Amino acid sequence: MRRWILGVPLAVLIPLLAGCSTSTAPPVAQPQPQPESPPAVATLVGLGDSIPAGDGCPGCTPFVELFGDQLSGDTALPVQVANLGVGGWTSTDLLDSLEPGAYDADAVGAADLVTVTIGANDFYTELDDYLDGDCGGDDGLGCFAPVLPQLQTTLTSVLDRITELRAGQPTAVLVTGYWDVFPDGDVARELYGPQFLRDSAALTLRANDVISEVAGSEGATYVDLFSTFKGTWGDGDPTGLLADDGDHPNQIGHQLIADALSSAAVAGSGSTEVSALTSSGWSPR
């Protein structure tokens, strides 16, 4: 005779109850998926005037991007480039753009490498006096003399601001000079004559001396573009490196500037590895 509990045969219910025993095996820990870390990326920020901006050369890739490509090509660490060059900017304009909270300031605060090309436009306010023959001075360049200490003061403040924004983080700062602060080559020769080329070269060397001195005193690396465009003795014709306006680099010129930056990076660190450029072993030259 079968026994029933609440209408269910006992022979059926016993196995079910056994399967519902309160004694259970401890749960087996399941491996949890680990969140993927974002890929490491170095950031290069280019600051300055129309030269890094690539003005005057439609379709050209500016030297800031080319330098970033060279860095990316020499290391497994990708390099993100922010080219913040603005045509017409003076050193004062650049300093103003680095006020805390400004877009450019935030970009610099996150940068591992910074290039700075600024100062040529500071001299344009006196160019008309020079062209009119009213510049003064024994060499005819007297009207430009007050601009040099002003550039020194403002550029020093720019590099100080970059240091403040980076807040002690390792940063490679490369500051370029100029091949000419005014138009050069065939265009300038035809517009203004050979004496203008000689005077402009002399003024450019003085401006470069200021830029180089400030870079050195602020722990940045100075990158000479005068000899890059005109040769060791400064007597070369840069026309083939300039855009049609004679005032900006063409694509070949931009490539030469990028190459000069890479050479300076190697001289400062012994490597173009981004980690070497931004380490405590970086040695400005």
Foldseek 3Di string as FASTA:
>chain_A
DFDDDPNHTPVVVVVVVVVVDPDDDDDDDDDDDDDDDDAAAAEEEEEEAVQQVVPLAPPADFLQVVLQVVLVVFEVHHYHYHYPYYHLDALVNRLVQCDPPHPVVLSLLRHQEYEYEHHLNLQVVCVVCLLVQNCDDPLSPNVRVVSQVVSLVSVLSNLVSSCVSPPPFQHAYEYEADLFSAFFAPLCCVVPNDVVRVVRNVVSVSNLVSRCVSCVVSQYAYFYCNCLQQNPVSNRGNVVQPRPNSGYGYNVVSNSSSVSVQVQQCVQQVGSNSCSSRDPSGHHD
